[in-house]
Amino acid sequence: ILEKNARLPVEDIAAMMGKTPAQVAAMMDEA
């Protein structure tokens, strides 16, 4: 998802993955 569009808001990525924004932010920090 990030490779295609790194400017997507965390909330949009969370909705696409079925996760919370906090979980997506944690995944980004880990990555």
PDB file of all heavy atoms in Angstrom:
ATOM      1  N   ILE A   1       0.839  -1.207   0.000  1.00  0.00           N
ATOM      2  CA  ILE A   1       0.000   0.000   0.000  1.00  0.00           C
ATOM      3  C   ILE A   1       0.868   1.248   0.000  1.00  0.00           C
ATOM      4  O   ILE A   1       0.641   2.187  -0.770  1.00  0.00           O
ATOM      5  CB  ILE A   1      -0.945  -0.005   1.224  1.00  0.00           C
ATOM      6  CG1 ILE A   1      -1.988  -1.112   1.075  1.00  0.00           C
ATOM      7  CG2 ILE A   1      -1.641   1.344   1.373  1.00  0.00           C
ATOM      8  CD1 ILE A   1      -2.855  -1.317   2.314  1.00  0.00           C
ATOM      9  N   LEU A   2       1.886   1.260   0.856  1.00  0.00           N
ATOM     10  CA  LEU A   2       2.779   2.419   0.920  1.00  0.00           C
ATOM     11  C   LEU A   2       3.565   2.600  -0.367  1.00  0.00           C
ATOM     12  O   LEU A   2       3.831   3.730  -0.792  1.00  0.00           O
ATOM     13  CB  LEU A   2       3.751   2.274   2.097  1.00  0.00           C
ATOM     14  CG  LEU A   2       3.223   2.587   3.494  1.00  0.00           C
ATOM     15  CD1 LEU A   2       4.361   2.486   4.494  1.00  0.00           C
ATOM     16  CD2 LEU A   2       2.593   3.961   3.563  1.00  0.00           C
ATOM     17  N   GLU A   3       3.958   1.483  -0.981  1.00  0.00           N
ATOM     18  CA  GLU A   3       4.749   1.568  -2.211  1.00  0.00           C
ATOM     19  C   GLU A   3       3.964   2.254  -3.322  1.00  0.00           C
ATOM     20  O   GLU A   3       4.512   3.000  -4.122  1.00  0.00           O
ATOM     21  CB  GLU A   3       5.172   0.163  -2.661  1.00  0.00           C
ATOM     22  CG  GLU A   3       6.115   0.153  -3.847  1.00  0.00           C
ATOM     23  CD  GLU A   3       6.507  -1.244  -4.259  1.00  0.00           C
ATOM     24  OE1 GLU A   3       5.670  -2.162  -4.100  1.00  0.00           O
ATOM     25  OE2 GLU A   3       7.632  -1.423  -4.739  1.00  0.00           O
ATOM     26  N   LYS A   4       2.650   2.019  -3.353  1.00  0.00           N
ATOM     27  CA  LYS A   4       1.816   2.625  -4.383  1.00  0.00           C
ATOM     28  C   LYS A   4       1.521   4.092  -4.087  1.00  0.00           C
ATOM     29  O   LYS A   4       1.440   4.913  -4.998  1.00  0.00           O
ATOM     30  CB  LYS A   4       0.510   1.842  -4.521  1.00  0.00           C
ATOM     31  CG  LYS A   4       0.693   0.456  -5.109  1.00  0.00           C
ATOM     32  CD  LYS A   4      -0.633  -0.261  -5.246  1.00  0.00           C
ATOM     33  CE  LYS A   4      -0.446  -1.647  -5.854  1.00  0.00           C
ATOM     34  NZ  LYS A   4      -1.746  -2.369  -5.973  1.00  0.00           N
ATOM     35  N   ASN A   5       1.326   4.419  -2.801  1.00  0.00           N
ATOM     36  CA  ASN A   5       1.024   5.806  -2.429  1.00  0.00           C
ATOM     37  C   ASN A   5       1.438   6.041  -0.985  1.00  0.00           C
ATOM     38  O   ASN A   5       0.702   5.708  -0.053  1.00  0.00           O
ATOM     39  CB  ASN A   5      -0.463   6.106  -2.613  1.00  0.00           C
ATOM     40  CG  ASN A   5      -0.778   7.579  -2.409  1.00  0.00           C
ATOM     41  OD1 ASN A   5       0.097   8.387  -2.074  1.00  0.00           O
ATOM     42  ND2 ASN A   5      -2.034   7.941  -2.606  1.00  0.00           N
ATOM     43  N   ALA A   6       2.628   6.604  -0.796  1.00  0.00           N
ATOM     44  CA  ALA A   6       3.158   6.816   0.556  1.00  0.00           C
ATOM     45  C   ALA A   6       2.488   7.982   1.269  1.00  0.00           C
ATOM     46  O   ALA A   6       2.738   8.202   2.453  1.00  0.00           O
ATOM     47  CB  ALA A   6       4.671   7.046   0.498  1.00  0.00           C
ATOM     48  N   ARG A   7       1.647   8.736   0.556  1.00  0.00           N
ATOM     49  CA  ARG A   7       0.988   9.889   1.162  1.00  0.00           C
ATOM     50  C   ARG A   7      -0.410   9.562   1.697  1.00  0.00           C
ATOM     51  O   ARG A   7      -1.101  10.454   2.176  1.00  0.00           O
ATOM     52  CB  ARG A   7       0.886  11.027   0.144  1.00  0.00           C
ATOM     53  CG  ARG A   7       2.224  11.608  -0.284  1.00  0.00           C
ATOM     54  CD  ARG A   7       2.031  12.880  -1.087  1.00  0.00           C
ATOM     55  NE  ARG A   7       1.433  13.934  -0.273  1.00  0.00           N
ATOM     56  CZ  ARG A   7       1.009  15.093  -0.762  1.00  0.00           C
ATOM     57  NH1 ARG A   7       1.089  15.324  -2.063  1.00  0.00           N
ATOM     58  NH2 ARG A   7       0.494  16.009   0.020  1.00  0.00           N
ATOM     59  N   LEU A   8      -0.806   8.317   1.600  1.00  0.00           N
ATOM     60  CA  LEU A   8      -2.121   7.956   2.131  1.00  0.00           C
ATOM     61  C   LEU A   8      -2.183   8.231   3.630  1.00  0.00           C
ATOM     62  O   LEU A   8      -1.257   7.876   4.369  1.00  0.00           O
ATOM     63  CB  LEU A   8      -2.400   6.474   1.882  1.00  0.00           C
ATOM     64  CG  LEU A   8      -2.964   6.074   0.522  1.00  0.00           C
ATOM     65  CD1 LEU A   8      -3.093   4.562   0.453  1.00  0.00           C
ATOM     66  CD2 LEU A   8      -4.309   6.733   0.269  1.00  0.00           C
ATOM     67  N   PRO A   9      -3.258   8.863   4.107  1.00  0.00           N
ATOM     68  CA  PRO A   9      -3.401   9.072   5.552  1.00  0.00           C
ATOM     69  C   PRO A   9      -3.460   7.752   6.307  1.00  0.00           C
ATOM     70  O   PRO A   9      -3.903   6.739   5.763  1.00  0.00           O
ATOM     71  CB  PRO A   9      -4.725   9.841   5.669  1.00  0.00           C
ATOM     72  CG  PRO A   9      -4.948  10.444   4.319  1.00  0.00           C
ATOM     73  CD  PRO A   9      -4.349   9.491   3.341  1.00  0.00           C
ATOM     74  N   VAL A  10      -2.993   7.768   7.528  1.00  0.00           N
ATOM     75  CA  VAL A  10      -2.998   6.561   8.349  1.00  0.00           C
ATOM     76  C   VAL A  10      -4.406   6.005   8.476  1.00  0.00           C
ATOM     77  O   VAL A  10      -4.616   4.782   8.485  1.00  0.00           O
ATOM     78  CB  VAL A  10      -2.400   6.870   9.747  1.00  0.00           C
ATOM     79  CG1 VAL A  10      -2.546   5.667  10.664  1.00  0.00           C
ATOM     80  CG2 VAL A  10      -0.930   7.255   9.623  1.00  0.00           C
ATOM     81  N   GLU A  11      -5.401   6.893   8.572  1.00  0.00           N
ATOM     82  CA  GLU A  11      -6.793   6.448   8.722  1.00  0.00           C
ATOM     83  C   GLU A  11      -7.268   5.658   7.501  1.00  0.00           C
ATOM     84  O   GLU A  11      -7.985   4.664   7.639  1.00  0.00           O
ATOM     85  CB  GLU A  11      -7.706   7.667   8.939  1.00  0.00           C
ATOM     86  CG  GLU A  11      -7.501   8.384  10.263  1.00  0.00           C
ATOM     87  CD  GLU A  11      -6.259   9.272  10.268  1.00  0.00           C
ATOM     88  OE1 GLU A  11      -5.687   9.497   9.174  1.00  0.00           O
ATOM     89  OE2 GLU A  11      -5.869   9.742  11.353  1.00  0.00           O
ATOM     90  N   ASP A  12      -6.838   6.086   6.294  1.00  0.00           N
ATOM     91  CA  ASP A  12      -7.232   5.375   5.070  1.00  0.00           C
ATOM     92  C   ASP A  12      -6.575   3.999   5.004  1.00  0.00           C
ATOM     93  O   ASP A  12      -7.203   3.016   4.602  1.00  0.00           O
ATOM     94  CB  ASP A  12      -6.851   6.197   3.840  1.00  0.00           C
ATOM     95  CG  ASP A  12      -7.676   7.472   3.719  1.00  0.00           C
ATOM     96  OD1 ASP A  12      -8.621   7.638   4.523  1.00  0.00           O
ATOM     97  OD2 ASP A  12      -7.378   8.289   2.834  1.00  0.00           O
ATOM     98  N   ILE A  13      -5.307   3.941   5.376  1.00  0.00           N
ATOM     99  CA  ILE A  13      -4.605   2.646   5.370  1.00  0.00           C
ATOM    100  C   ILE A  13      -5.244   1.707   6.380  1.00  0.00           C
ATOM    101  O   ILE A  13      -5.423   0.511   6.116  1.00  0.00           O
ATOM    102  CB  ILE A  13      -3.111   2.837   5.688  1.00  0.00           C
ATOM    103  CG1 ILE A  13      -2.452   3.723   4.632  1.00  0.00           C
ATOM    104  CG2 ILE A  13      -2.397   1.496   5.766  1.00  0.00           C
ATOM    105  CD1 ILE A  13      -1.001   4.046   4.915  1.00  0.00           C
ATOM    106  N   ALA A  14      -5.610   2.237   7.549  1.00  0.00           N
ATOM    107  CA  ALA A  14      -6.263   1.418   8.578  1.00  0.00           C
ATOM    108  C   ALA A  14      -7.572   0.845   8.067  1.00  0.00           C
ATOM    109  O   ALA A  14      -7.894  -0.335   8.300  1.00  0.00           O
ATOM    110  CB  ALA A  14      -6.487   2.258   9.835  1.00  0.00           C
ATOM    111  N   ALA A  15      -8.348   1.652   7.343  1.00  0.00           N
ATOM    112  CA  ALA A  15      -9.624   1.183   6.805  1.00  0.00           C
ATOM    113  C   ALA A  15      -9.411   0.100   5.753  1.00  0.00           C
ATOM    114  O   ALA A  15     -10.162  -0.880   5.679  1.00  0.00           O
ATOM    115  CB  ALA A  15     -10.396   2.350   6.213  1.00  0.00           C
ATOM    116  N   MET A  16      -8.371   0.240   4.940  1.00  0.00           N
ATOM    117  CA  MET A  16      -8.071  -0.746   3.902  1.00  0.00           C
ATOM    118  C   MET A  16      -7.620  -2.068   4.494  1.00  0.00           C
ATOM    119  O   MET A  16      -7.887  -3.142   3.928  1.00  0.00           O
ATOM    120  CB  MET A  16      -6.983  -0.203   2.979  1.00  0.00           C
ATOM    121  CG  MET A  16      -7.404   1.021   2.182  1.00  0.00           C
ATOM    122  SD  MET A  16      -6.020   1.837   1.347  1.00  0.00           S
ATOM    123  CE  MET A  16      -5.570   0.590   0.150  1.00  0.00           C
ATOM    124  N   MET A  17      -6.942  -2.017   5.660  1.00  0.00           N
ATOM    125  CA  MET A  17      -6.392  -3.232   6.261  1.00  0.00           C
ATOM    126  C   MET A  17      -7.248  -3.793   7.382  1.00  0.00           C
ATOM    127  O   MET A  17      -6.937  -4.860   7.921  1.00  0.00           O
ATOM    128  CB  MET A  17      -4.982  -2.941   6.795  1.00  0.00           C
ATOM    129  CG  MET A  17      -3.978  -2.532   5.739  1.00  0.00           C
ATOM    130  SD  MET A  17      -2.307  -2.341   6.419  1.00  0.00           S
ATOM    131  CE  MET A  17      -1.970  -4.032   6.947  1.00  0.00           C
ATOM    132  N   GLY A  18      -8.305  -3.083   7.748  1.00  0.00           N
ATOM    133  CA  GLY A  18      -9.142  -3.543   8.847  1.00  0.00           C
ATOM    134  C   GLY A  18      -8.465  -3.415  10.194  1.00  0.00           C
ATOM    135  O   GLY A  18      -8.660  -4.248  11.078  1.00  0.00           O
ATOM    136  N   LYS A  19      -7.655  -2.367  10.350  1.00  0.00           N
ATOM    137  CA  LYS A  19      -6.943  -2.133  11.604  1.00  0.00           C
ATOM    138  C   LYS A  19      -7.245  -0.726  12.104  1.00  0.00           C
ATOM    139  O   LYS A  19      -7.874   0.083  11.411  1.00  0.00           O
ATOM    140  CB  LYS A  19      -5.434  -2.313  11.423  1.00  0.00           C
ATOM    141  CG  LYS A  19      -4.998  -3.752  11.172  1.00  0.00           C
ATOM    142  CD  LYS A  19      -3.498  -3.861  11.074  1.00  0.00           C
ATOM    143  CE  LYS A  19      -3.047  -5.303  10.987  1.00  0.00           C
ATOM    144  NZ  LYS A  19      -3.338  -6.063  12.221  1.00  0.00           N
ATOM    145  N   THR A  20      -6.782  -0.426  13.310  1.00  0.00           N
ATOM    146  CA  THR A  20      -6.950   0.915  13.855  1.00  0.00           C
ATOM    147  C   THR A  20      -5.784   1.799  13.400  1.00  0.00           C
ATOM    148  O   THR A  20      -4.699   1.286  13.076  1.00  0.00           O
ATOM    149  CB  THR A  20      -6.987   0.883  15.388  1.00  0.00           C
ATOM    150  OG1 THR A  20      -5.703   0.456  15.881  1.00  0.00           O
ATOM    151  CG2 THR A  20      -8.065  -0.075  15.891  1.00  0.00           C
ATOM    152  N   PRO A  21      -5.980   3.113  13.364  1.00  0.00           N
ATOM    153  CA  PRO A  21      -4.871   4.007  13.014  1.00  0.00           C
ATOM    154  C   PRO A  21      -3.656   3.830  13.913  1.00  0.00           C
ATOM    155  O   PRO A  21      -2.513   3.944  13.449  1.00  0.00           O
ATOM    156  CB  PRO A  21      -5.490   5.404  13.174  1.00  0.00           C
ATOM    157  CG  PRO A  21      -6.948   5.201  12.912  1.00  0.00           C
ATOM    158  CD  PRO A  21      -7.260   3.849  13.495  1.00  0.00           C
ATOM    159  N   ALA A  22      -3.880   3.552  15.189  1.00  0.00           N
ATOM    160  CA  ALA A  22      -2.761   3.356  16.107  1.00  0.00           C
ATOM    161  C   ALA A  22      -1.949   2.122  15.716  1.00  0.00           C
ATOM    162  O   ALA A  22      -0.712   2.127  15.790  1.00  0.00           O
ATOM    163  CB  ALA A  22      -3.275   3.217  17.539  1.00  0.00           C
ATOM    164  N   GLN A  23      -2.634   1.051  15.294  1.00  0.00           N
ATOM    165  CA  GLN A  23      -1.933  -0.164  14.869  1.00  0.00           C
ATOM    166  C   GLN A  23      -1.120   0.088  13.599  1.00  0.00           C
ATOM    167  O   GLN A  23       0.004  -0.389  13.459  1.00  0.00           O
ATOM    168  CB  GLN A  23      -2.939  -1.292  14.642  1.00  0.00           C
ATOM    169  CG  GLN A  23      -3.563  -1.840  15.911  1.00  0.00           C
ATOM    170  CD  GLN A  23      -4.654  -2.856  15.623  1.00  0.00           C
ATOM    171  OE1 GLN A  23      -5.453  -2.686  14.703  1.00  0.00           O
ATOM    172  NE2 GLN A  23      -4.693  -3.920  16.415  1.00  0.00           N
ATOM    173  N   VAL A  24      -1.687   0.843  12.669  1.00  0.00           N
ATOM    174  CA  VAL A  24      -0.978   1.153  11.425  1.00  0.00           C
ATOM    175  C   VAL A  24       0.241   2.023  11.716  1.00  0.00           C
ATOM    176  O   VAL A  24       1.324   1.818  11.149  1.00  0.00           O
ATOM    177  CB  VAL A  24      -1.919   1.852  10.426  1.00  0.00           C
ATOM    178  CG1 VAL A  24      -1.137   2.371   9.223  1.00  0.00           C
ATOM    179  CG2 VAL A  24      -2.998   0.892   9.970  1.00  0.00           C
ATOM    180  N   ALA A  25       0.094   3.002  12.603  1.00  0.00           N
ATOM    181  CA  ALA A  25       1.230   3.858  12.972  1.00  0.00           C
ATOM    182  C   ALA A  25       2.336   3.034  13.604  1.00  0.00           C
ATOM    183  O   ALA A  25       3.531   3.264  13.336  1.00  0.00           O
ATOM    184  CB  ALA A  25       0.760   4.953  13.929  1.00  0.00           C
ATOM    185  N   ALA A  26       1.971   2.051  14.428  1.00  0.00           N
ATOM    186  CA  ALA A  26       2.967   1.179  15.050  1.00  0.00           C
ATOM    187  C   ALA A  26       3.668   0.324  13.998  1.00  0.00           C
ATOM    188  O   ALA A  26       4.881   0.096  14.072  1.00  0.00           O
ATOM    189  CB  ALA A  26       2.302   0.299  16.100  1.00  0.00           C
ATOM    190  N   MET A  27       2.907  -0.161  13.002  1.00  0.00           N
ATOM    191  CA  MET A  27       3.502  -0.945  11.924  1.00  0.00           C
ATOM    192  C   MET A  27       4.494  -0.114  11.125  1.00  0.00           C
ATOM    193  O   MET A  27       5.556  -0.603  10.722  1.00  0.00           O
ATOM    194  CB  MET A  27       2.405  -1.496  11.001  1.00  0.00           C
ATOM    195  CG  MET A  27       1.522  -2.554  11.634  1.00  0.00           C
ATOM    196  SD  MET A  27       0.167  -3.060  10.540  1.00  0.00           S
ATOM    197  CE  MET A  27       1.072  -3.859   9.228  1.00  0.00           C
ATOM    198  N   MET A  28       4.153   1.153  10.898  1.00  0.00           N
ATOM    199  CA  MET A  28       5.049   2.023  10.151  1.00  0.00           C
ATOM    200  C   MET A  28       6.343   2.271  10.923  1.00  0.00           C
ATOM    201  O   MET A  28       7.443   2.218  10.354  1.00  0.00           O
ATOM    202  CB  MET A  28       4.358   3.354   9.837  1.00  0.00           C
ATOM    203  CG  MET A  28       5.180   4.277   8.959  1.00  0.00           C
ATOM    204  SD  MET A  28       4.280   5.754   8.431  1.00  0.00           S
ATOM    205  CE  MET A  28       2.967   5.030   7.449  1.00  0.00           C
ATOM    206  N   ASP A  29       6.225   2.524  12.222  1.00  0.00           N
ATOM    207  CA  ASP A  29       7.422   2.734  13.044  1.00  0.00           C
ATOM    208  C   ASP A  29       8.303   1.487  13.044  1.00  0.00           C
ATOM    209  O   ASP A  29       9.535   1.581  12.959  1.00  0.00           O
ATOM    210  CB  ASP A  29       7.019   3.085  14.480  1.00  0.00           C
ATOM    211  CG  ASP A  29       6.368   4.461  14.568  1.00  0.00           C
ATOM    212  OD1 ASP A  29       6.572   5.272  13.655  1.00  0.00           O
ATOM    213  OD2 ASP A  29       5.646   4.706  15.560  1.00  0.00           O
ATOM    214  N   GLU A  30       7.670   0.329  13.127  1.00  0.00           N
ATOM    215  CA  GLU A  30       8.420  -0.928  13.132  1.00  0.00           C
ATOM    216  C   GLU A  30       9.112  -1.154  11.794  1.00  0.00           C
ATOM    217  O   GLU A  30      10.278  -1.571  11.740  1.00  0.00           O
ATOM    218  CB  GLU A  30       7.477  -2.098  13.430  1.00  0.00           C
ATOM    219  CG  GLU A  30       8.174  -3.458  13.438  1.00  0.00           C
ATOM    220  CD  GLU A  30       7.196  -4.611  13.640  1.00  0.00           C
ATOM    221  OE1 GLU A  30       5.977  -4.354  13.760  1.00  0.00           O
ATOM    222  OE2 GLU A  30       7.661  -5.769  13.667  1.00  0.00           O
ATOM    223  N   ALA A  31       8.402  -0.861  10.702  1.00  0.00           N
ATOM    224  CA  ALA A  31       8.968  -1.062   9.366  1.00  0.00           C
ATOM    225  C   ALA A  31      10.167  -0.154   9.131  1.00  0.00           C
ATOM    226  O   ALA A  31      11.161  -0.559   8.516  1.00  0.00           O
ATOM    227  CB  ALA A  31       7.900  -0.818   8.304  1.00  0.00           C
TER     228      ALA A  31
END
